[in-house]
Amino acid sequence: MFQVMFHKLTKKNCNYLLSGFLVRFSSTYLTPIKTAGCIVIGDEVLNSKIRDTNSQFFAKYCFGKGIDLKKISIIGDDELEIKNTVLEFDKKFDFIVTSGGIGPTHDDITYSSIAKAFNLPLEIDLFAREKLETHHSELIKNFNKEQKEANLRMVTLPHGSNVQTFYTQDLWVPIVNINNKLNILPGIPRLFERMLLEGIDPAIAKRLDPNLKFKSYYVNTKFPESRIAPILNKLIKNDRFNQIDIKLGCYPHKDSNTVSVTGRILNDNILNELVTIIEKELNGMVITKAQEHEFSQSSYNI
């Protein structure tokens, strides 16, 4: 069982939780979410020092929720690039997460860059500072002046009426939300994943339409891709199927190929109709997601 603490950025500690829950259930916060984007920030990702897994985790999350993930960008620790990318995503998508660049070092510039993008001031958040100093009390008490100042970079956040922060139960790191759209998350995978699932997910639940969730079917066939392609091309031009949001994919395996059919749950009857046609045309067999995963894994060993 987890709890989410959610508050507006304000210097009045006594109003943190009260003002936060008022914001969480306001009408503006319930704007429907249909599209999403993910921005991974860090030179260490681009120079291969670390391997990004957060964008993959976010993609899986979006698919499970029926959110159409439109774009993933990996950018360096560059202020102008962060500003431009954030503003581009803000114009295009309903739901955005950033990953990385919120630590205490000189190249952790995500907070400051995003603040500049939205013309917001930076201020030390008193509640976040209190949580940080409580969580790391033994470590911080031995810091010198410069180390303490560096530590405060992690709680120097964008401030404004369109900014909110919220927390998972036992983590000091805040999720900073701007315009009920952009969510600033850490790059550490275990924190990113928990804060997405335990912090953001409950907050956006009412903004998601369960009828828009995705559903996938898989048809495995011995036909080569060259023989599959004309059949799929014909089907995607069929008026029965091209009027709704359906995606067909073809994945080569060691001794066979799999065609995936993905669409919205509300169109499940049409998806089943299409799957039946593909199964017949390709002399194939409907398989489960787990079976398709096994085929994919065996393909890596070719």
C-alpha atoms as a PDB file:
ATOM      1  CA  MET A   1       0.000   0.000   0.000  1.00  0.00           C
ATOM      2  CA  PHE A   2       1.499   3.352  -0.973  1.00  0.00           C
ATOM      3  CA  GLN A   3       0.589   6.909  -0.269  1.00  0.00           C
ATOM      4  CA  VAL A   4       1.096   9.930  -2.480  1.00  0.00           C
ATOM      5  CA  MET A   5       1.872  13.323  -1.017  1.00  0.00           C
ATOM      6  CA  PHE A   6       0.960  16.086  -3.432  1.00  0.00           C
ATOM      7  CA  HIS A   7       1.359  19.813  -2.962  1.00  0.00           C
ATOM      8  CA  LYS A   8       1.719  23.129  -4.709  1.00  0.00           C
ATOM      9  CA  LEU A   9       5.028  24.925  -4.585  1.00  0.00           C
ATOM     10  CA  THR A  10       4.496  27.336  -1.719  1.00  0.00           C
ATOM     11  CA  LYS A  11       6.487  28.572   1.248  1.00  0.00           C
ATOM     12  CA  LYS A  12       3.642  27.914   3.657  1.00  0.00           C
ATOM     13  CA  ASN A  13       4.372  24.432   4.928  1.00  0.00           C
ATOM     14  CA  CYS A  14       1.010  24.101   6.639  1.00  0.00           C
ATOM     15  CA  ASN A  15      -0.737  24.369   3.272  1.00  0.00           C
ATOM     16  CA  TYR A  16       1.329  21.794   1.372  1.00  0.00           C
ATOM     17  CA  LEU A  17      -0.942  18.769   1.476  1.00  0.00           C
ATOM     18  CA  LEU A  18      -4.237  20.675   1.534  1.00  0.00           C
ATOM     19  CA  SER A  19      -3.422  22.833  -1.470  1.00  0.00           C
ATOM     20  CA  GLY A  20      -1.992  19.813  -3.265  1.00  0.00           C
ATOM     21  CA  PHE A  21      -5.116  17.686  -3.074  1.00  0.00           C
ATOM     22  CA  LEU A  22      -7.210  20.633  -4.231  1.00  0.00           C
ATOM     23  CA  VAL A  23      -5.001  20.906  -7.297  1.00  0.00           C
ATOM     24  CA  ARG A  24      -4.958  17.164  -7.921  1.00  0.00           C
ATOM     25  CA  PHE A  25      -8.704  16.953  -8.359  1.00  0.00           C
ATOM     26  CA  SER A  26      -9.244  20.281 -10.119  1.00  0.00           C
ATOM     27  CA  SER A  27     -10.976  20.261 -13.488  1.00  0.00           C
ATOM     28  CA  THR A  28      -7.845  21.458 -15.299  1.00  0.00           C
ATOM     29  CA  TYR A  29      -5.943  18.432 -14.041  1.00  0.00           C
ATOM     30  CA  LEU A  30      -8.496  16.111 -15.620  1.00  0.00           C
ATOM     31  CA  THR A  31      -7.729  17.094 -19.216  1.00  0.00           C
ATOM     32  CA  PRO A  32      -7.801  13.801 -21.189  1.00  0.00           C
ATOM     33  CA  ILE A  33      -4.451  12.208 -21.973  1.00  0.00           C
ATOM     34  CA  LYS A  34      -4.149  10.629 -25.412  1.00  0.00           C
ATOM     35  CA  THR A  35      -0.576  11.325 -26.535  1.00  0.00           C
ATOM     36  CA  ALA A  36       2.792  11.241 -24.788  1.00  0.00           C
ATOM     37  CA  GLY A  37       6.457  12.011 -25.230  1.00  0.00           C
ATOM     38  CA  CYS A  38       9.616  11.051 -23.326  1.00  0.00           C
ATOM     39  CA  ILE A  39      12.808  13.128 -23.070  1.00  0.00           C
ATOM     40  CA  VAL A  40      15.936  11.384 -21.789  1.00  0.00           C
ATOM     41  CA  ILE A  41      18.541  13.925 -20.688  1.00  0.00           C
ATOM     42  CA  GLY A  42      22.209  13.128 -20.140  1.00  0.00           C
ATOM     43  CA  ASP A  43      25.567  13.149 -21.902  1.00  0.00           C
ATOM     44  CA  GLU A  44      26.264   9.815 -20.214  1.00  0.00           C
ATOM     45  CA  VAL A  45      23.507   8.189 -22.288  1.00  0.00           C
ATOM     46  CA  LEU A  46      24.783   9.635 -25.555  1.00  0.00           C
ATOM     47  CA  ASN A  47      28.382   8.621 -24.877  1.00  0.00           C
ATOM     48  CA  SER A  48      27.288   5.084 -23.893  1.00  0.00           C
ATOM     49  CA  LYS A  49      28.524   5.345 -20.304  1.00  0.00           C
ATOM     50  CA  ILE A  50      25.093   4.255 -19.100  1.00  0.00           C
ATOM     51  CA  ARG A  51      22.326   2.392 -20.862  1.00  0.00           C
ATOM     52  CA  ASP A  52      18.898   4.009 -20.855  1.00  0.00           C
ATOM     53  CA  THR A  53      16.067   1.748 -19.727  1.00  0.00           C
ATOM     54  CA  ASN A  54      13.643   4.455 -18.628  1.00  0.00           C
ATOM     55  CA  SER A  55      12.311   5.210 -22.095  1.00  0.00           C
ATOM     56  CA  GLN A  56      11.596   1.513 -22.661  1.00  0.00           C
ATOM     57  CA  PHE A  57       9.813   1.296 -19.307  1.00  0.00           C
ATOM     58  CA  PHE A  58       7.787   4.395 -20.138  1.00  0.00           C
ATOM     59  CA  ALA A  59       6.886   2.992 -23.564  1.00  0.00           C
ATOM     60  CA  LYS A  60       5.580  -0.190 -21.952  1.00  0.00           C
ATOM     61  CA  TYR A  61       3.640   1.877 -19.413  1.00  0.00           C
ATOM     62  CA  CYS A  62       2.031   4.008 -22.126  1.00  0.00           C
ATOM     63  CA  PHE A  63       1.046   0.978 -24.183  1.00  0.00           C
ATOM     64  CA  GLY A  64      -0.594  -0.622 -21.162  1.00  0.00           C
ATOM     65  CA  LYS A  65      -2.599   2.531 -20.489  1.00  0.00           C
ATOM     66  CA  GLY A  66      -3.677   3.133 -24.081  1.00  0.00           C
ATOM     67  CA  ILE A  67      -1.553   6.272 -24.385  1.00  0.00           C
ATOM     68  CA  ASP A  68      -0.122   6.840 -27.842  1.00  0.00           C
ATOM     69  CA  LEU A  69       3.608   7.414 -27.253  1.00  0.00           C
ATOM     70  CA  LYS A  70       4.581   9.612 -30.174  1.00  0.00           C
ATOM     71  CA  LYS A  71       8.229  10.404 -29.612  1.00  0.00           C
ATOM     72  CA  ILE A  72      11.289   9.583 -27.512  1.00  0.00           C
ATOM     73  CA  SER A  73      14.238  11.988 -27.637  1.00  0.00           C
ATOM     74  CA  ILE A  74      17.665  11.443 -26.096  1.00  0.00           C
ATOM     75  CA  ILE A  75      19.542  14.709 -25.656  1.00  0.00           C
ATOM     76  CA  GLY A  76      22.657  15.926 -23.878  1.00  0.00           C
ATOM     77  CA  ASP A  77      23.152  18.224 -20.909  1.00  0.00           C
ATOM     78  CA  ASP A  78      22.755  21.328 -23.037  1.00  0.00           C
ATOM     79  CA  GLU A  79      20.497  24.160 -21.872  1.00  0.00           C
ATOM     80  CA  LEU A  80      19.338  25.314 -25.296  1.00  0.00           C
ATOM     81  CA  GLU A  81      18.632  21.781 -26.483  1.00  0.00           C
ATOM     82  CA  ILE A  82      16.667  20.982 -23.328  1.00  0.00           C
ATOM     83  CA  LYS A  83      14.639  24.189 -23.660  1.00  0.00           C
ATOM     84  CA  ASN A  84      13.852  23.639 -27.335  1.00  0.00           C
ATOM     85  CA  THR A  85      12.951  19.971 -26.896  1.00  0.00           C
ATOM     86  CA  VAL A  86      10.696  20.620 -23.907  1.00  0.00           C
ATOM     87  CA  LEU A  87       8.833  23.409 -25.715  1.00  0.00           C
ATOM     88  CA  GLU A  88       8.438  21.245 -28.829  1.00  0.00           C
ATOM     89  CA  PHE A  89       6.956  18.397 -26.793  1.00  0.00           C
ATOM     90  CA  ASP A  90       4.757  20.783 -24.800  1.00  0.00           C
ATOM     91  CA  LYS A  91       3.109  21.975 -28.011  1.00  0.00           C
ATOM     92  CA  LYS A  92       2.485  18.483 -29.373  1.00  0.00           C
ATOM     93  CA  PHE A  93       1.695  16.058 -26.551  1.00  0.00           C
ATOM     94  CA  ASP A  94      -0.706  15.707 -23.610  1.00  0.00           C
ATOM     95  CA  PHE A  95       1.667  13.909 -21.248  1.00  0.00           C
ATOM     96  CA  ILE A  96       5.451  14.293 -21.041  1.00  0.00           C
ATOM     97  CA  VAL A  97       8.145  12.874 -18.799  1.00  0.00           C
ATOM     98  CA  THR A  98      11.798  13.821 -18.615  1.00  0.00           C
ATOM     99  CA  SER A  99      14.460  11.517 -17.225  1.00  0.00           C
ATOM    100  CA  GLY A 100      17.779  12.628 -15.766  1.00  0.00           C
ATOM    101  CA  GLY A 101      19.791  15.733 -14.998  1.00  0.00           C
ATOM    102  CA  ILE A 102      18.455  16.616 -11.536  1.00  0.00           C
ATOM    103  CA  GLY A 103      21.478  15.800  -9.365  1.00  0.00           C
ATOM    104  CA  PRO A 104      23.908  18.090  -7.473  1.00  0.00           C
ATOM    105  CA  THR A 105      26.683  18.432 -10.068  1.00  0.00           C
ATOM    106  CA  HIS A 106      27.422  21.219 -12.549  1.00  0.00           C
ATOM    107  CA  ASP A 107      25.958  19.314 -15.503  1.00  0.00           C
ATOM    108  CA  ASP A 108      22.641  18.609 -13.768  1.00  0.00           C
ATOM    109  CA  ILE A 109      20.743  21.430 -15.432  1.00  0.00           C
ATOM    110  CA  THR A 110      17.302  19.976 -16.107  1.00  0.00           C
ATOM    111  CA  TYR A 111      15.455  22.058 -13.491  1.00  0.00           C
ATOM    112  CA  SER A 112      17.101  25.329 -14.495  1.00  0.00           C
ATOM    113  CA  SER A 113      16.742  24.713 -18.241  1.00  0.00           C
ATOM    114  CA  ILE A 114      13.065  23.795 -17.990  1.00  0.00           C
ATOM    115  CA  ALA A 115      12.424  26.785 -15.730  1.00  0.00           C
ATOM    116  CA  LYS A 116      13.909  29.055 -18.399  1.00  0.00           C
ATOM    117  CA  ALA A 117      11.865  27.342 -21.114  1.00  0.00           C
ATOM    118  CA  PHE A 118       8.643  28.313 -19.319  1.00  0.00           C
ATOM    119  CA  ASN A 119       9.925  31.658 -17.954  1.00  0.00           C
ATOM    120  CA  LEU A 120       9.697  30.434 -14.369  1.00  0.00           C
ATOM    121  CA  PRO A 121      11.899  31.442 -11.435  1.00  0.00           C
ATOM    122  CA  LEU A 122      13.930  28.898  -9.487  1.00  0.00           C
ATOM    123  CA  GLU A 123      13.455  28.694  -5.727  1.00  0.00           C
ATOM    124  CA  ILE A 124      14.531  26.358  -2.962  1.00  0.00           C
ATOM    125  CA  ASP A 125      11.470  24.281  -2.145  1.00  0.00           C
ATOM    126  CA  LEU A 126      11.207  24.183   1.633  1.00  0.00           C
ATOM    127  CA  PHE A 127       9.249  20.942   1.815  1.00  0.00           C
ATOM    128  CA  ALA A 128      11.623  19.147  -0.577  1.00  0.00           C
ATOM    129  CA  ARG A 129      14.594  20.507   1.364  1.00  0.00           C
ATOM    130  CA  GLU A 130      13.166  19.217   4.624  1.00  0.00           C
ATOM    131  CA  LYS A 131      12.615  15.757   3.126  1.00  0.00           C
ATOM    132  CA  LEU A 132      16.116  15.710   1.608  1.00  0.00           C
ATOM    133  CA  GLU A 133      17.843  16.752   4.822  1.00  0.00           C
ATOM    134  CA  THR A 134      15.841  14.264   6.865  1.00  0.00           C
ATOM    135  CA  HIS A 135      16.576  11.418   4.450  1.00  0.00           C
ATOM    136  CA  HIS A 136      20.327  12.175   4.244  1.00  0.00           C
ATOM    137  CA  SER A 137      20.821  13.649   7.725  1.00  0.00           C
ATOM    138  CA  GLU A 138      23.861  11.525   8.616  1.00  0.00           C
ATOM    139  CA  LEU A 139      25.588  12.335   5.347  1.00  0.00           C
ATOM    140  CA  ILE A 140      24.759  16.042   5.232  1.00  0.00           C
ATOM    141  CA  LYS A 141      25.963  16.821   8.757  1.00  0.00           C
ATOM    142  CA  ASN A 142      29.545  16.234   7.584  1.00  0.00           C
ATOM    143  CA  PHE A 143      29.251  18.424   4.463  1.00  0.00           C
ATOM    144  CA  ASN A 144      31.244  21.628   4.114  1.00  0.00           C
ATOM    145  CA  LYS A 145      29.677  24.842   2.794  1.00  0.00           C
ATOM    146  CA  GLU A 146      30.311  24.067  -0.887  1.00  0.00           C
ATOM    147  CA  GLN A 147      28.910  20.558  -0.571  1.00  0.00           C
ATOM    148  CA  LYS A 148      25.784  21.843   1.135  1.00  0.00           C
ATOM    149  CA  GLU A 149      25.268  24.390  -1.641  1.00  0.00           C
ATOM    150  CA  ALA A 150      25.678  21.680  -4.269  1.00  0.00           C
ATOM    151  CA  ASN A 151      23.169  19.523  -2.420  1.00  0.00           C
ATOM    152  CA  LEU A 152      20.592  22.313  -2.551  1.00  0.00           C
ATOM    153  CA  ARG A 153      20.660  22.183  -6.370  1.00  0.00           C
ATOM    154  CA  MET A 154      18.475  19.085  -6.076  1.00  0.00           C
ATOM    155  CA  VAL A 155      15.698  21.008  -4.311  1.00  0.00           C
ATOM    156  CA  THR A 156      16.000  24.273  -6.243  1.00  0.00           C
ATOM    157  CA  LEU A 157      12.913  23.869  -8.389  1.00  0.00           C
ATOM    158  CA  PRO A 158      10.840  25.799 -10.932  1.00  0.00           C
ATOM    159  CA  HIS A 159       8.281  27.911  -9.089  1.00  0.00           C
ATOM    160  CA  GLY A 160       4.917  29.284 -10.202  1.00  0.00           C
ATOM    161  CA  SER A 161       1.150  28.940 -10.122  1.00  0.00           C
ATOM    162  CA  ASN A 162       1.343  26.314 -12.882  1.00  0.00           C
ATOM    163  CA  VAL A 163       3.865  24.164 -10.990  1.00  0.00           C
ATOM    164  CA  GLN A 164       3.021  21.369  -8.554  1.00  0.00           C
ATOM    165  CA  THR A 165       5.130  18.738  -6.821  1.00  0.00           C
ATOM    166  CA  PHE A 166       4.133  15.371  -5.437  1.00  0.00           C
ATOM    167  CA  TYR A 167       5.877  12.487  -3.723  1.00  0.00           C
ATOM    168  CA  THR A 168       5.717   8.773  -3.191  1.00  0.00           C
ATOM    169  CA  GLN A 169       5.572   7.686   0.416  1.00  0.00           C
ATOM    170  CA  ASP A 170       9.206   7.057   1.321  1.00  0.00           C
ATOM    171  CA  LEU A 171      11.125   8.943  -1.392  1.00  0.00           C
ATOM    172  CA  TRP A 172      12.400  12.462  -0.839  1.00  0.00           C
ATOM    173  CA  VAL A 173      12.780  13.222  -4.558  1.00  0.00           C
ATOM    174  CA  PRO A 174       9.846  15.318  -5.817  1.00  0.00           C
ATOM    175  CA  ILE A 175       7.980  14.819  -9.059  1.00  0.00           C
ATOM    176  CA  VAL A 176       7.799  18.331 -10.487  1.00  0.00           C
ATOM    177  CA  ASN A 177       4.772  18.860 -12.719  1.00  0.00           C
ATOM    178  CA  ILE A 178       4.373  21.873 -15.001  1.00  0.00           C
ATOM    179  CA  ASN A 179       1.123  22.813 -16.762  1.00  0.00           C
ATOM    180  CA  ASN A 180      -0.481  19.507 -15.690  1.00  0.00           C
ATOM    181  CA  LYS A 181       1.555  18.001 -18.506  1.00  0.00           C
ATOM    182  CA  LEU A 182       5.330  17.896 -18.053  1.00  0.00           C
ATOM    183  CA  ASN A 183       6.728  15.660 -15.288  1.00  0.00           C
ATOM    184  CA  ILE A 184      10.393  15.928 -14.289  1.00  0.00           C
ATOM    185  CA  LEU A 185      11.799  12.599 -13.051  1.00  0.00           C
ATOM    186  CA  PRO A 186      15.253  11.355 -12.016  1.00  0.00           C
ATOM    187  CA  GLY A 187      17.333   9.203 -14.319  1.00  0.00           C
ATOM    188  CA  ILE A 188      17.979   6.415 -11.800  1.00  0.00           C
ATOM    189  CA  PRO A 189      15.770   3.564 -13.092  1.00  0.00           C
ATOM    190  CA  ARG A 190      14.471   2.312  -9.729  1.00  0.00           C
ATOM    191  CA  LEU A 191      13.392   5.859  -8.821  1.00  0.00           C
ATOM    192  CA  PHE A 192      12.005   6.635 -12.273  1.00  0.00           C
ATOM    193  CA  GLU A 193       9.902   3.474 -12.266  1.00  0.00           C
ATOM    194  CA  ARG A 194       8.545   3.890  -8.748  1.00  0.00           C
ATOM    195  CA  MET A 195       7.709   7.554  -9.216  1.00  0.00           C
ATOM    196  CA  LEU A 196       5.928   6.837 -12.478  1.00  0.00           C
ATOM    197  CA  LEU A 197       3.877   3.961 -11.063  1.00  0.00           C
ATOM    198  CA  GLU A 198       3.285   5.174  -7.517  1.00  0.00           C
ATOM    199  CA  GLY A 199       3.315   8.927  -8.025  1.00  0.00           C
ATOM    200  CA  ILE A 200       2.157   9.894 -11.497  1.00  0.00           C
ATOM    201  CA  ASP A 201      -0.098   6.950 -12.315  1.00  0.00           C
ATOM    202  CA  PRO A 202      -2.660   7.560  -9.537  1.00  0.00           C
ATOM    203  CA  ALA A 203      -2.670  11.276 -10.325  1.00  0.00           C
ATOM    204  CA  ILE A 204      -3.569  10.820 -14.005  1.00  0.00           C
ATOM    205  CA  ALA A 205      -5.933   7.841 -13.670  1.00  0.00           C
ATOM    206  CA  LYS A 206      -9.065   9.923 -14.201  1.00  0.00           C
ATOM    207  CA  ARG A 207      -7.588  11.464 -17.337  1.00  0.00           C
ATOM    208  CA  LEU A 208      -7.386   8.125 -19.149  1.00  0.00           C
ATOM    209  CA  ASP A 209     -10.177   6.466 -21.130  1.00  0.00           C
ATOM    210  CA  PRO A 210     -10.181   2.682 -20.485  1.00  0.00           C
ATOM    211  CA  ASN A 211     -11.837   2.146 -23.871  1.00  0.00           C
ATOM    212  CA  LEU A 212      -8.701   3.491 -25.553  1.00  0.00           C
ATOM    213  CA  LYS A 213      -6.428   0.800 -24.153  1.00  0.00           C
ATOM    214  CA  PHE A 214      -4.479  -1.151 -26.744  1.00  0.00           C
ATOM    215  CA  LYS A 215      -4.885  -4.822 -27.498  1.00  0.00           C
ATOM    216  CA  SER A 216      -2.558  -6.960 -29.607  1.00  0.00           C
ATOM    217  CA  TYR A 217      -2.976 -10.260 -31.418  1.00  0.00           C
ATOM    218  CA  TYR A 218      -0.248 -12.375 -33.017  1.00  0.00           C
ATOM    219  CA  VAL A 219      -0.355 -14.696 -36.018  1.00  0.00           C
ATOM    220  CA  ASN A 220       2.642 -16.931 -36.673  1.00  0.00           C
ATOM    221  CA  THR A 221       3.266 -18.202 -40.199  1.00  0.00           C
ATOM    222  CA  LYS A 222       5.854 -20.085 -42.222  1.00  0.00           C
ATOM    223  CA  PHE A 223       5.397 -17.645 -45.107  1.00  0.00           C
ATOM    224  CA  PRO A 224       8.458 -15.464 -45.878  1.00  0.00           C
ATOM    225  CA  GLU A 225       8.153 -11.686 -45.495  1.00  0.00           C
ATOM    226  CA  SER A 226       8.174 -11.212 -49.260  1.00  0.00           C
ATOM    227  CA  ARG A 227       4.971 -13.238 -49.452  1.00  0.00           C
ATOM    228  CA  ILE A 228       3.427 -11.610 -46.374  1.00  0.00           C
ATOM    229  CA  ALA A 229       3.963  -8.007 -47.504  1.00  0.00           C
ATOM    230  CA  PRO A 230       1.469  -7.910 -50.435  1.00  0.00           C
ATOM    231  CA  ILE A 231      -1.260  -9.437 -48.264  1.00  0.00           C
ATOM    232  CA  LEU A 232      -0.781  -6.881 -45.487  1.00  0.00           C
ATOM    233  CA  ASN A 233      -0.592  -4.015 -47.986  1.00  0.00           C
ATOM    234  CA  LYS A 234      -3.933  -5.071 -49.406  1.00  0.00           C
ATOM    235  CA  LEU A 235      -5.542  -5.298 -45.969  1.00  0.00           C
ATOM    236  CA  ILE A 236      -4.406  -1.876 -44.759  1.00  0.00           C
ATOM    237  CA  LYS A 237      -6.033  -0.331 -47.833  1.00  0.00           C
ATOM    238  CA  ASN A 238      -9.331  -2.070 -47.128  1.00  0.00           C
ATOM    239  CA  ASP A 239     -11.977   0.488 -46.120  1.00  0.00           C
ATOM    240  CA  ARG A 240     -13.189  -1.843 -43.397  1.00  0.00           C
ATOM    241  CA  PHE A 241      -9.872  -1.585 -41.561  1.00  0.00           C
ATOM    242  CA  ASN A 242      -8.206   1.691 -42.553  1.00  0.00           C
ATOM    243  CA  GLN A 243     -10.870   3.897 -40.985  1.00  0.00           C
ATOM    244  CA  ILE A 244      -9.811   3.041 -37.437  1.00  0.00           C
ATOM    245  CA  ASP A 245      -6.521   3.041 -35.561  1.00  0.00           C
ATOM    246  CA  ILE A 246      -5.013  -0.362 -36.392  1.00  0.00           C
ATOM    247  CA  LYS A 247      -1.313  -1.108 -36.729  1.00  0.00           C
ATOM    248  CA  LEU A 248       0.130  -4.165 -38.439  1.00  0.00           C
ATOM    249  CA  GLY A 249       3.668  -5.345 -37.799  1.00  0.00           C
ATOM    250  CA  CYS A 250       5.794  -8.157 -39.181  1.00  0.00           C
ATOM    251  CA  TYR A 251       8.617  -9.715 -37.168  1.00  0.00           C
ATOM    252  CA  PRO A 252      11.088 -12.216 -38.654  1.00  0.00           C
ATOM    253  CA  HIS A 253      12.124 -15.236 -36.602  1.00  0.00           C
ATOM    254  CA  LYS A 254      14.437 -18.161 -37.124  1.00  0.00           C
ATOM    255  CA  ASP A 255      12.028 -20.516 -38.890  1.00  0.00           C
ATOM    256  CA  SER A 256       8.892 -18.405 -39.157  1.00  0.00           C
ATOM    257  CA  ASN A 257       7.463 -14.897 -39.049  1.00  0.00           C
ATOM    258  CA  THR A 258       4.871 -13.273 -36.834  1.00  0.00           C
ATOM    259  CA  VAL A 259       2.317 -10.649 -37.823  1.00  0.00           C
ATOM    260  CA  SER A 260       1.031  -8.464 -35.011  1.00  0.00           C
ATOM    261  CA  VAL A 261      -2.352  -6.734 -35.067  1.00  0.00           C
ATOM    262  CA  THR A 262      -2.740  -3.885 -32.589  1.00  0.00           C
ATOM    263  CA  GLY A 263      -5.696  -1.594 -31.991  1.00  0.00           C
ATOM    264  CA  ARG A 264      -8.000  -0.156 -29.370  1.00  0.00           C
ATOM    265  CA  ILE A 265     -10.133  -2.354 -27.117  1.00  0.00           C
ATOM    266  CA  LEU A 266     -13.281  -0.580 -28.278  1.00  0.00           C
ATOM    267  CA  ASN A 267     -12.603  -1.960 -31.787  1.00  0.00           C
ATOM    268  CA  ASP A 268     -11.945  -5.512 -30.592  1.00  0.00           C
ATOM    269  CA  ASN A 269     -14.601  -7.040 -32.855  1.00  0.00           C
ATOM    270  CA  ILE A 270     -12.932  -5.540 -35.921  1.00  0.00           C
ATOM    271  CA  LEU A 271      -9.504  -6.621 -34.687  1.00  0.00           C
ATOM    272  CA  ASN A 272     -10.734 -10.203 -34.358  1.00  0.00           C
ATOM    273  CA  GLU A 273     -12.189 -10.059 -37.846  1.00  0.00           C
ATOM    274  CA  LEU A 274      -8.852  -8.891 -39.242  1.00  0.00           C
ATOM    275  CA  VAL A 275      -6.917 -11.542 -37.312  1.00  0.00           C
ATOM    276  CA  THR A 276      -9.152 -14.272 -38.740  1.00  0.00           C
ATOM    277  CA  ILE A 277      -8.480 -13.038 -42.285  1.00  0.00           C
ATOM    278  CA  ILE A 278      -4.717 -12.850 -41.723  1.00  0.00           C
ATOM    279  CA  GLU A 279      -4.645 -16.306 -40.166  1.00  0.00           C
ATOM    280  CA  LYS A 280      -6.399 -17.724 -43.229  1.00  0.00           C
ATOM    281  CA  GLU A 281      -4.450 -15.759 -45.856  1.00  0.00           C
ATOM    282  CA  LEU A 282      -1.085 -16.664 -44.328  1.00  0.00           C
ATOM    283  CA  ASN A 283      -2.002 -20.232 -43.456  1.00  0.00           C
ATOM    284  CA  GLY A 284      -0.910 -19.230 -39.976  1.00  0.00           C
ATOM    285  CA  MET A 285      -1.813 -19.799 -36.358  1.00  0.00           C
ATOM    286  CA  VAL A 286      -2.842 -17.366 -33.634  1.00  0.00           C
ATOM    287  CA  ILE A 287      -0.317 -17.409 -30.785  1.00  0.00           C
ATOM    288  CA  THR A 288      -0.081 -15.736 -27.391  1.00  0.00           C
ATOM    289  CA  LYS A 289       2.148 -12.826 -26.438  1.00  0.00           C
ATOM    290  CA  ALA A 290       4.282 -15.223 -24.388  1.00  0.00           C
ATOM    291  CA  GLN A 291       4.737 -17.516 -27.392  1.00  0.00           C
ATOM    292  CA  GLU A 292       5.723 -14.559 -29.565  1.00  0.00           C
ATOM    293  CA  HIS A 293       8.283 -13.548 -26.950  1.00  0.00           C
ATOM    294  CA  GLU A 294       9.774 -17.059 -27.111  1.00  0.00           C
ATOM    295  CA  PHE A 295      10.031 -16.821 -30.908  1.00  0.00           C
ATOM    296  CA  SER A 296      11.748 -13.445 -30.568  1.00  0.00           C
ATOM    297  CA  GLN A 297      14.242 -14.721 -28.013  1.00  0.00           C
ATOM    298  CA  SER A 298      15.150 -17.717 -30.165  1.00  0.00           C
ATOM    299  CA  SER A 299      15.774 -15.374 -33.098  1.00  0.00           C
ATOM    300  CA  TYR A 300      18.580 -13.667 -31.161  1.00  0.00           C
ATOM    301  CA  ASN A 301      20.470 -16.948 -31.078  1.00  0.00           C
ATOM    302  CA  ILE A 302      20.658 -17.361 -34.847  1.00  0.00           C
END
